[in-house]
PDB file of N, CA and C in Angstrom:
ATOM      1  N   MET A   1      15.373  12.392 -19.293  1.00  0.00           N
ATOM      2  CA  MET A   1      14.268  11.532 -18.911  1.00  0.00           C
ATOM      3  C   MET A   1      14.028  11.668 -17.410  1.00  0.00           C
ATOM      4  N   SER A   2      12.789  11.817 -17.026  1.00  0.00           N
ATOM      5  CA  SER A   2      12.411  11.947 -15.625  1.00  0.00           C
ATOM      6  C   SER A   2      12.353  10.576 -14.971  1.00  0.00           C
ATOM      7  N   ASN A   3      12.807  10.480 -13.722  1.00  0.00           N
ATOM      8  CA  ASN A   3      12.739   9.231 -12.983  1.00  0.00           C
ATOM      9  C   ASN A   3      11.610   9.305 -11.971  1.00  0.00           C
ATOM     10  N   LEU A   4      10.438   8.817 -12.330  1.00  0.00           N
ATOM     11  CA  LEU A   4       9.321   8.776 -11.405  1.00  0.00           C
ATOM     12  C   LEU A   4       9.453   7.520 -10.556  1.00  0.00           C
ATOM     13  N   LYS A   5       9.031   7.610  -9.310  1.00  0.00           N
ATOM     14  CA  LYS A   5       9.111   6.468  -8.402  1.00  0.00           C
ATOM     15  C   LYS A   5       8.232   5.318  -8.896  1.00  0.00           C
ATOM     16  N   LEU A   6       7.125   5.638  -9.518  1.00  0.00           N
ATOM     17  CA  LEU A   6       6.201   4.625 -10.009  1.00  0.00           C
ATOM     18  C   LEU A   6       6.575   4.262 -11.441  1.00  0.00           C
ATOM     19  N   GLY A   7       6.982   3.026 -11.667  1.00  0.00           N
ATOM     20  CA  GLY A   7       7.361   2.564 -12.996  1.00  0.00           C
ATOM     21  C   GLY A   7       6.167   2.030 -13.768  1.00  0.00           C
ATOM     22  N   PRO A   8       6.417   1.261 -14.835  1.00  0.00           N
ATOM     23  CA  PRO A   8       5.324   0.684 -15.621  1.00  0.00           C
ATOM     24  C   PRO A   8       4.385  -0.148 -14.751  1.00  0.00           C
ATOM     25  N   LEU A   9       3.101  -0.100 -15.051  1.00  0.00           N
ATOM     26  CA  LEU A   9       2.090  -0.748 -14.222  1.00  0.00           C
ATOM     27  C   LEU A   9       1.888  -2.219 -14.585  1.00  0.00           C
ATOM     28  N   PRO A  10       1.796  -3.088 -13.567  1.00  0.00           N
ATOM     29  CA  PRO A  10       1.436  -4.480 -13.831  1.00  0.00           C
ATOM     30  C   PRO A  10      -0.084  -4.610 -13.963  1.00  0.00           C
ATOM     31  N   LYS A  11      -0.553  -5.711 -14.489  1.00  0.00           N
ATOM     32  CA  LYS A  11      -1.995  -5.981 -14.566  1.00  0.00           C
ATOM     33  C   LYS A  11      -2.468  -6.485 -13.207  1.00  0.00           C
ATOM     34  N   LEU A  12      -3.598  -5.959 -12.716  1.00  0.00           N
ATOM     35  CA  LEU A  12      -4.137  -6.342 -11.414  1.00  0.00           C
ATOM     36  C   LEU A  12      -5.622  -6.640 -11.513  1.00  0.00           C
ATOM     37  N   GLY A  13      -6.133  -7.403 -10.544  1.00  0.00           N
ATOM     38  CA  GLY A  13      -7.575  -7.562 -10.399  1.00  0.00           C
ATOM     39  C   GLY A  13      -8.153  -6.244  -9.909  1.00  0.00           C
ATOM     40  N   ILE A  14      -9.424  -6.044 -10.067  1.00  0.00           N
ATOM     41  CA  ILE A  14     -10.044  -4.759  -9.756  1.00  0.00           C
ATOM     42  C   ILE A  14     -11.023  -4.891  -8.594  1.00  0.00           C
ATOM     43  N   VAL A  15     -10.898  -3.985  -7.613  1.00  0.00           N
ATOM     44  CA  VAL A  15     -11.871  -3.782  -6.545  1.00  0.00           C
ATOM     45  C   VAL A  15     -12.182  -2.292  -6.560  1.00  0.00           C
ATOM     46  N   ARG A  16     -13.429  -1.936  -6.696  1.00  0.00           N
ATOM     47  CA  ARG A  16     -13.808  -0.518  -6.793  1.00  0.00           C
ATOM     48  C   ARG A  16     -14.002   0.088  -5.411  1.00  0.00           C
ATOM     49  N   MET A  17     -13.481   1.331  -5.245  1.00  0.00           N
ATOM     50  CA  MET A  17     -13.658   2.097  -4.018  1.00  0.00           C
ATOM     51  C   MET A  17     -13.916   3.557  -4.395  1.00  0.00           C
ATOM     52  N   THR A  18     -14.670   4.242  -3.558  1.00  0.00           N
ATOM     53  CA  THR A  18     -14.860   5.683  -3.716  1.00  0.00           C
ATOM     54  C   THR A  18     -14.026   6.363  -2.642  1.00  0.00           C
ATOM     55  N   ILE A  19     -13.131   7.241  -3.058  1.00  0.00           N
ATOM     56  CA  ILE A  19     -12.223   7.894  -2.122  1.00  0.00           C
ATOM     57  C   ILE A  19     -12.379   9.399  -2.234  1.00  0.00           C
ATOM     58  N   PRO A  20     -12.930  10.036  -1.194  1.00  0.00           N
ATOM     59  CA  PRO A  20     -13.002  11.496  -1.230  1.00  0.00           C
ATOM     60  C   PRO A  20     -11.613  12.085  -1.028  1.00  0.00           C
ATOM     61  N   MET A  21     -11.303  13.140  -1.763  1.00  0.00           N
ATOM     62  CA  MET A  21     -10.001  13.799  -1.605  1.00  0.00           C
ATOM     63  C   MET A  21     -10.137  15.277  -1.901  1.00  0.00           C
ATOM     64  N   PRO A  22      -9.250  16.073  -1.301  1.00  0.00           N
ATOM     65  CA  PRO A  22      -9.282  17.508  -1.577  1.00  0.00           C
ATOM     66  C   PRO A  22      -8.951  17.787  -3.046  1.00  0.00           C
ATOM     67  N   GLU A  23      -9.533  18.836  -3.577  1.00  0.00           N
ATOM     68  CA  GLU A  23      -9.323  19.181  -4.984  1.00  0.00           C
ATOM     69  C   GLU A  23      -7.855  19.406  -5.338  1.00  0.00           C
ATOM     70  N   PRO A  24      -7.060  20.076  -4.469  1.00  0.00           N
ATOM     71  CA  PRO A  24      -5.640  20.248  -4.823  1.00  0.00           C
ATOM     72  C   PRO A  24      -4.900  18.909  -4.986  1.00  0.00           C
ATOM     73  N   LEU A  25      -5.254  17.914  -4.193  1.00  0.00           N
ATOM     74  CA  LEU A  25      -4.629  16.601  -4.334  1.00  0.00           C
ATOM     75  C   LEU A  25      -5.039  15.967  -5.658  1.00  0.00           C
ATOM     76  N   LYS A  26      -6.302  16.081  -6.036  1.00  0.00           N
ATOM     77  CA  LYS A  26      -6.771  15.547  -7.319  1.00  0.00           C
ATOM     78  C   LYS A  26      -6.034  16.216  -8.470  1.00  0.00           C
ATOM     79  N   GLU A  27      -5.836  17.531  -8.381  1.00  0.00           N
ATOM     80  CA  GLU A  27      -5.113  18.252  -9.429  1.00  0.00           C
ATOM     81  C   GLU A  27      -3.662  17.763  -9.530  1.00  0.00           C
ATOM     82  N   GLU A  28      -3.021  17.545  -8.375  1.00  0.00           N
ATOM     83  CA  GLU A  28      -1.649  17.062  -8.393  1.00  0.00           C
ATOM     84  C   GLU A  28      -1.567  15.641  -8.961  1.00  0.00           C
ATOM     85  N   LEU A  29      -2.529  14.799  -8.598  1.00  0.00           N
ATOM     86  CA  LEU A  29      -2.570  13.445  -9.166  1.00  0.00           C
ATOM     87  C   LEU A  29      -2.741  13.495 -10.684  1.00  0.00           C
ATOM     88  N   ASP A  30      -3.587  14.400 -11.155  1.00  0.00           N
ATOM     89  CA  ASP A  30      -3.781  14.537 -12.597  1.00  0.00           C
ATOM     90  C   ASP A  30      -2.489  14.982 -13.284  1.00  0.00           C
ATOM     91  N   LEU A  31      -1.757  15.905 -12.658  1.00  0.00           N
ATOM     92  CA  LEU A  31      -0.469  16.330 -13.217  1.00  0.00           C
ATOM     93  C   LEU A  31       0.528  15.169 -13.240  1.00  0.00           C
ATOM     94  N   TYR A  32       0.559  14.389 -12.151  1.00  0.00           N
ATOM     95  CA  TYR A  32       1.447  13.225 -12.094  1.00  0.00           C
ATOM     96  C   TYR A  32       1.076  12.235 -13.190  1.00  0.00           C
ATOM     97  N   ALA A  33      -0.234  11.992 -13.353  1.00  0.00           N
ATOM     98  CA  ALA A  33      -0.693  11.063 -14.387  1.00  0.00           C
ATOM     99  C   ALA A  33      -0.298  11.562 -15.776  1.00  0.00           C
ATOM    100  N   SER A  34      -0.340  12.848 -15.976  1.00  0.00           N
ATOM    101  CA  SER A  34       0.054  13.421 -17.260  1.00  0.00           C
ATOM    102  C   SER A  34       1.536  13.157 -17.531  1.00  0.00           C
ATOM    103  N   GLU A  35       2.382  13.405 -16.532  1.00  0.00           N
ATOM    104  CA  GLU A  35       3.820  13.149 -16.686  1.00  0.00           C
ATOM    105  C   GLU A  35       4.084  11.656 -16.851  1.00  0.00           C
ATOM    106  N   TYR A  36       3.379  10.842 -16.080  1.00  0.00           N
ATOM    107  CA  TYR A  36       3.508   9.390 -16.199  1.00  0.00           C
ATOM    108  C   TYR A  36       3.138   8.957 -17.625  1.00  0.00           C
ATOM    109  N   GLY A  37       2.052   9.513 -18.126  1.00  0.00           N
ATOM    110  CA  GLY A  37       1.601   9.190 -19.479  1.00  0.00           C
ATOM    111  C   GLY A  37       2.620   9.579 -20.536  1.00  0.00           C
ATOM    112  N   ARG A  38       3.296  10.694 -20.334  1.00  0.00           N
ATOM    113  CA  ARG A  38       4.336  11.117 -21.268  1.00  0.00           C
ATOM    114  C   ARG A  38       5.479  10.098 -21.308  1.00  0.00           C
ATOM    115  N   LEU A  39       5.796   9.509 -20.146  1.00  0.00           N
ATOM    116  CA  LEU A  39       6.916   8.569 -20.063  1.00  0.00           C
ATOM    117  C   LEU A  39       6.544   7.130 -20.442  1.00  0.00           C
ATOM    118  N   TYR A  40       5.350   6.689 -20.031  1.00  0.00           N
ATOM    119  CA  TYR A  40       5.003   5.264 -20.150  1.00  0.00           C
ATOM    120  C   TYR A  40       3.760   4.961 -20.969  1.00  0.00           C
ATOM    121  N   GLY A  41       3.006   5.948 -21.315  1.00  0.00           N
ATOM    122  CA  GLY A  41       1.745   5.725 -22.027  1.00  0.00           C
ATOM    123  C   GLY A  41       0.587   6.261 -21.202  1.00  0.00           C
ATOM    124  N   GLU A  42      -0.393   6.776 -21.880  1.00  0.00           N
ATOM    125  CA  GLU A  42      -1.499   7.481 -21.227  1.00  0.00           C
ATOM    126  C   GLU A  42      -2.271   6.611 -20.243  1.00  0.00           C
ATOM    127  N   VAL A  43      -2.481   7.154 -19.050  1.00  0.00           N
ATOM    128  CA  VAL A  43      -3.348   6.572 -18.021  1.00  0.00           C
ATOM    129  C   VAL A  43      -3.995   7.727 -17.269  1.00  0.00           C
ATOM    130  N   ASP A  44      -5.094   7.435 -16.589  1.00  0.00           N
ATOM    131  CA  ASP A  44      -5.696   8.465 -15.746  1.00  0.00           C
ATOM    132  C   ASP A  44      -5.221   8.279 -14.310  1.00  0.00           C
ATOM    133  N   ALA A  45      -5.452   9.290 -13.494  1.00  0.00           N
ATOM    134  CA  ALA A  45      -4.990   9.258 -12.105  1.00  0.00           C
ATOM    135  C   ALA A  45      -5.586   8.083 -11.341  1.00  0.00           C
ATOM    136  N   ALA A  46      -6.847   7.750 -11.596  1.00  0.00           N
ATOM    137  CA  ALA A  46      -7.496   6.643 -10.877  1.00  0.00           C
ATOM    138  C   ALA A  46      -6.772   5.321 -11.113  1.00  0.00           C
ATOM    139  N   THR A  47      -6.179   5.145 -12.273  1.00  0.00           N
ATOM    140  CA  THR A  47      -5.433   3.919 -12.572  1.00  0.00           C
ATOM    141  C   THR A  47      -4.132   3.872 -11.770  1.00  0.00           C
ATOM    142  N   LEU A  48      -3.534   5.031 -11.534  1.00  0.00           N
ATOM    143  CA  LEU A  48      -2.261   5.088 -10.812  1.00  0.00           C
ATOM    144  C   LEU A  48      -2.404   4.920  -9.304  1.00  0.00           C
ATOM    145  N   ILE A  49      -3.523   5.341  -8.738  1.00  0.00           N
ATOM    146  CA  ILE A  49      -3.677   5.385  -7.279  1.00  0.00           C
ATOM    147  C   ILE A  49      -3.391   4.048  -6.596  1.00  0.00           C
ATOM    148  N   PRO A  50      -3.938   2.912  -7.037  1.00  0.00           N
ATOM    149  CA  PRO A  50      -3.635   1.659  -6.331  1.00  0.00           C
ATOM    150  C   PRO A  50      -2.142   1.320  -6.350  1.00  0.00           C
ATOM    151  N   HIS A  51      -1.475   1.626  -7.433  1.00  0.00           N
ATOM    152  CA  HIS A  51      -0.045   1.337  -7.543  1.00  0.00           C
ATOM    153  C   HIS A  51       0.767   2.278  -6.640  1.00  0.00           C
ATOM    154  N   MET A  52       0.315   3.522  -6.537  1.00  0.00           N
ATOM    155  CA  MET A  52       0.974   4.474  -5.648  1.00  0.00           C
ATOM    156  C   MET A  52       0.804   4.042  -4.191  1.00  0.00           C
ATOM    157  N   LEU A  53      -0.395   3.597  -3.831  1.00  0.00           N
ATOM    158  CA  LEU A  53      -0.637   3.127  -2.471  1.00  0.00           C
ATOM    159  C   LEU A  53       0.201   1.893  -2.157  1.00  0.00           C
ATOM    160  N   GLU A  54       0.292   0.984  -3.107  1.00  0.00           N
ATOM    161  CA  GLU A  54       1.107  -0.214  -2.913  1.00  0.00           C
ATOM    162  C   GLU A  54       2.576   0.161  -2.696  1.00  0.00           C
ATOM    163  N   ALA A  55       3.090   1.081  -3.504  1.00  0.00           N
ATOM    164  CA  ALA A  55       4.475   1.527  -3.363  1.00  0.00           C
ATOM    165  C   ALA A  55       4.686   2.206  -2.006  1.00  0.00           C
ATOM    166  N   PHE A  56       3.712   2.987  -1.575  1.00  0.00           N
ATOM    167  CA  PHE A  56       3.802   3.641  -0.278  1.00  0.00           C
ATOM    168  C   PHE A  56       3.860   2.612   0.843  1.00  0.00           C
ATOM    169  N   LEU A  57       2.967   1.632   0.816  1.00  0.00           N
ATOM    170  CA  LEU A  57       2.949   0.613   1.865  1.00  0.00           C
ATOM    171  C   LEU A  57       4.238  -0.198   1.894  1.00  0.00           C
ATOM    172  N   ARG A  58       4.772  -0.525   0.714  1.00  0.00           N
ATOM    173  CA  ARG A  58       6.036  -1.272   0.652  1.00  0.00           C
ATOM    174  C   ARG A  58       7.193  -0.466   1.225  1.00  0.00           C
ATOM    175  N   SER A  59       7.151   0.859   1.088  1.00  0.00           N
ATOM    176  CA  SER A  59       8.264   1.693   1.534  1.00  0.00           C
ATOM    177  C   SER A  59       8.128   2.150   2.990  1.00  0.00           C
ATOM    178  N   ASP A  60       7.019   1.864   3.645  1.00  0.00           N
ATOM    179  CA  ASP A  60       6.792   2.295   5.031  1.00  0.00           C
ATOM    180  C   ASP A  60       7.367   1.257   5.989  1.00  0.00           C
ATOM    181  N   ARG A  61       8.540   1.532   6.545  1.00  0.00           N
ATOM    182  CA  ARG A  61       9.227   0.572   7.425  1.00  0.00           C
ATOM    183  C   ARG A  61       8.404   0.238   8.661  1.00  0.00           C
ATOM    184  N   GLY A  62       7.759   1.228   9.236  1.00  0.00           N
ATOM    185  CA  GLY A  62       6.920   0.984  10.411  1.00  0.00           C
ATOM    186  C   GLY A  62       5.800   0.010  10.107  1.00  0.00           C
ATOM    187  N   TRP A  63       5.152   0.190   8.968  1.00  0.00           N
ATOM    188  CA  TRP A  63       4.074  -0.709   8.585  1.00  0.00           C
ATOM    189  C   TRP A  63       4.603  -2.119   8.313  1.00  0.00           C
ATOM    190  N   ARG A  64       5.729  -2.219   7.591  1.00  0.00           N
ATOM    191  CA  ARG A  64       6.284  -3.551   7.292  1.00  0.00           C
ATOM    192  C   ARG A  64       6.612  -4.298   8.579  1.00  0.00           C
ATOM    193  N   SER A  65       7.168  -3.595   9.559  1.00  0.00           N
ATOM    194  CA  SER A  65       7.505  -4.216  10.832  1.00  0.00           C
ATOM    195  C   SER A  65       6.233  -4.690  11.542  1.00  0.00           C
ATOM    196  N   ARG A  66       5.249  -3.824  11.611  1.00  0.00           N
ATOM    197  CA  ARG A  66       3.974  -4.158  12.267  1.00  0.00           C
ATOM    198  C   ARG A  66       3.267  -5.286  11.518  1.00  0.00           C
ATOM    199  N   LYS A  67       3.284  -5.217  10.189  1.00  0.00           N
ATOM    200  CA  LYS A  67       2.607  -6.238   9.375  1.00  0.00           C
ATOM    201  C   LYS A  67       3.240  -7.604   9.602  1.00  0.00           C
ATOM    202  N   SER A  68       4.571  -7.663   9.679  1.00  0.00           N
ATOM    203  CA  SER A  68       5.218  -8.960   9.884  1.00  0.00           C
ATOM    204  C   SER A  68       4.834  -9.546  11.234  1.00  0.00           C
ATOM    205  N   LYS A  69       4.675  -8.696  12.252  1.00  0.00           N
ATOM    206  CA  LYS A  69       4.220  -9.180  13.561  1.00  0.00           C
ATOM    207  C   LYS A  69       2.777  -9.674  13.480  1.00  0.00           C
ATOM    208  N   LEU A  70       1.935  -8.913  12.785  1.00  0.00           N
ATOM    209  CA  LEU A  70       0.526  -9.296  12.665  1.00  0.00           C
ATOM    210  C   LEU A  70       0.354 -10.578  11.863  1.00  0.00           C
ATOM    211  N   THR A  71       1.038 -10.693  10.736  1.00  0.00           N
ATOM    212  CA  THR A  71       0.891 -11.893   9.915  1.00  0.00           C
ATOM    213  C   THR A  71       1.563 -13.088  10.573  1.00  0.00           C
ATOM    214  N   GLY A  72       2.613 -12.858  11.345  1.00  0.00           N
ATOM    215  CA  GLY A  72       3.243 -13.942  12.094  1.00  0.00           C
ATOM    216  C   GLY A  72       2.300 -14.506  13.133  1.00  0.00           C
ATOM    217  N   LYS A  73       1.571 -13.624  13.835  1.00  0.00           N
ATOM    218  CA  LYS A  73       0.587 -14.071  14.821  1.00  0.00           C
ATOM    219  C   LYS A  73      -0.540 -14.838  14.148  1.00  0.00           C
ATOM    220  N   ALA A  74      -0.986 -14.355  12.985  1.00  0.00           N
ATOM    221  CA  ALA A  74      -2.076 -15.020  12.271  1.00  0.00           C
ATOM    222  C   ALA A  74      -1.644 -16.409  11.826  1.00  0.00           C
ATOM    223  N   ARG A  75      -0.403 -16.543  11.336  1.00  0.00           N
ATOM    224  CA  ARG A  75       0.091 -17.861  10.917  1.00  0.00           C
ATOM    225  C   ARG A  75       0.213 -18.799  12.103  1.00  0.00           C
ATOM    226  N   ALA A  76       0.714 -18.292  13.235  1.00  0.00           N
ATOM    227  CA  ALA A  76       0.865 -19.123  14.423  1.00  0.00           C
ATOM    228  C   ALA A  76      -0.492 -19.592  14.919  1.00  0.00           C
ATOM    229  N   THR A  77      -1.489 -18.708  14.904  1.00  0.00           N
ATOM    230  CA  THR A  77      -2.831 -19.069  15.335  1.00  0.00           C
ATOM    231  C   THR A  77      -3.436 -20.093  14.384  1.00  0.00           C
ATOM    232  N   ALA A  78      -3.247 -19.899  13.089  1.00  0.00           N
ATOM    233  CA  ALA A  78      -3.817 -20.811  12.096  1.00  0.00           C
ATOM    234  C   ALA A  78      -3.190 -22.192  12.176  1.00  0.00           C
ATOM    235  N   SER A  79      -1.904 -22.259  12.542  1.00  0.00           N
ATOM    236  CA  SER A  79      -1.241 -23.553  12.598  1.00  0.00           C
ATOM    237  C   SER A  79      -1.348 -24.193  13.975  1.00  0.00           C
ATOM    238  N   GLY A  80      -2.002 -23.502  14.933  1.00  0.00           N
ATOM    239  CA  GLY A  80      -2.208 -24.075  16.254  1.00  0.00           C
ATOM    240  C   GLY A  80      -1.047 -23.889  17.201  1.00  0.00           C
ATOM    241  N   GLN A  81      -0.064 -23.075  16.841  1.00  0.00           N
ATOM    242  CA  GLN A  81       1.073 -22.827  17.713  1.00  0.00           C
ATOM    243  C   GLN A  81       0.746 -21.662  18.626  1.00  0.00           C
ATOM    244  N   SER A  82       1.104 -21.798  19.895  1.00  0.00           N
ATOM    245  CA  SER A  82       0.813 -20.706  20.823  1.00  0.00           C
ATOM    246  C   SER A  82       1.886 -19.642  20.781  1.00  0.00           C
ATOM    247  N   GLY A  83       3.114 -19.993  20.441  1.00  0.00           N
ATOM    248  CA  GLY A  83       4.185 -19.020  20.333  1.00  0.00           C
ATOM    249  C   GLY A  83       4.702 -18.527  21.667  1.00  0.00           C
ATOM    250  N   GLY A  84       4.293 -19.135  22.792  1.00  0.00           N
ATOM    251  CA  GLY A  84       4.818 -18.706  24.086  1.00  0.00           C
ATOM    252  C   GLY A  84       3.789 -18.862  25.163  1.00  0.00           C
ATOM    253  N   SER A  85       3.861 -17.993  26.177  1.00  0.00           N
ATOM    254  CA  SER A  85       2.956 -18.089  27.314  1.00  0.00           C
ATOM    255  C   SER A  85       1.532 -17.744  26.906  1.00  0.00           C
ATOM    256  N   ALA A  86       0.588 -18.142  27.748  1.00  0.00           N
ATOM    257  CA  ALA A  86      -0.817 -17.866  27.481  1.00  0.00           C
ATOM    258  C   ALA A  86      -1.168 -16.420  27.794  1.00  0.00           C
ATOM    259  N   ARG A  87      -0.322 -15.731  28.579  1.00  0.00           N
ATOM    260  CA  ARG A  87      -0.602 -14.336  28.917  1.00  0.00           C
ATOM    261  C   ARG A  87      -0.173 -13.423  27.783  1.00  0.00           C
ATOM    262  N   PRO A  88      -0.975 -12.391  27.465  1.00  0.00           N
ATOM    263  CA  PRO A  88      -0.568 -11.456  26.404  1.00  0.00           C
ATOM    264  C   PRO A  88       0.624 -10.643  26.859  1.00  0.00           C
ATOM    265  N   SER A  89       1.492 -10.311  25.916  1.00  0.00           N
ATOM    266  CA  SER A  89       2.660  -9.488  26.215  1.00  0.00           C
ATOM    267  C   SER A  89       2.299  -8.022  26.162  1.00  0.00           C
ATOM    268  N   ALA A  90       3.209  -7.175  26.609  1.00  0.00           N
ATOM    269  CA  ALA A  90       2.987  -5.726  26.549  1.00  0.00           C
ATOM    270  C   ALA A  90       2.828  -5.261  25.115  1.00  0.00           C
ATOM    271  N   ALA A  91       3.526  -5.908  24.184  1.00  0.00           N
ATOM    272  CA  ALA A  91       3.420  -5.527  22.764  1.00  0.00           C
ATOM    273  C   ALA A  91       2.029  -5.794  22.221  1.00  0.00           C
ATOM    274  N   ASP A  92       1.337  -6.799  22.779  1.00  0.00           N
ATOM    275  CA  ASP A  92      -0.012  -7.114  22.308  1.00  0.00           C
ATOM    276  C   ASP A  92      -1.035  -6.081  22.771  1.00  0.00           C
ATOM    277  N   ALA A  93      -0.707  -5.314  23.807  1.00  0.00           N
ATOM    278  CA  ALA A  93      -1.653  -4.375  24.382  1.00  0.00           C
ATOM    279  C   ALA A  93      -1.755  -3.059  23.627  1.00  0.00           C
ATOM    280  N   ASP A  94      -0.903  -2.834  22.616  1.00  0.00           N
ATOM    281  CA  ASP A  94      -0.902  -1.533  21.947  1.00  0.00           C
ATOM    282  C   ASP A  94      -1.841  -1.428  20.771  1.00  0.00           C
ATOM    283  N   HIS A  95      -2.763  -2.323  20.601  1.00  0.00           N
ATOM    284  CA  HIS A  95      -3.696  -2.197  19.472  1.00  0.00           C
ATOM    285  C   HIS A  95      -5.114  -2.046  19.889  1.00  0.00           C
TER     286      HIS A  95
END
């Protein structure tokens, strides 16, 4: 049995997007979808893409670190907390 990183799919709400991609990537996604279908039940590549992106974002340590800083700032702003001095820090200047 093959161990694919993407397991069985949960049910999600739908937001439609058009994503241009090179043909070789589309072919590889179709092959992945075929193997996924053999293991878990038939799906097309378009169904897998949001789950693959979610798995990628969850596994990206740099993004998780940055996201926690961004969402922490948003929560502090929403709750009226300043979180420190009124002057922006050097870390705030990198965006």
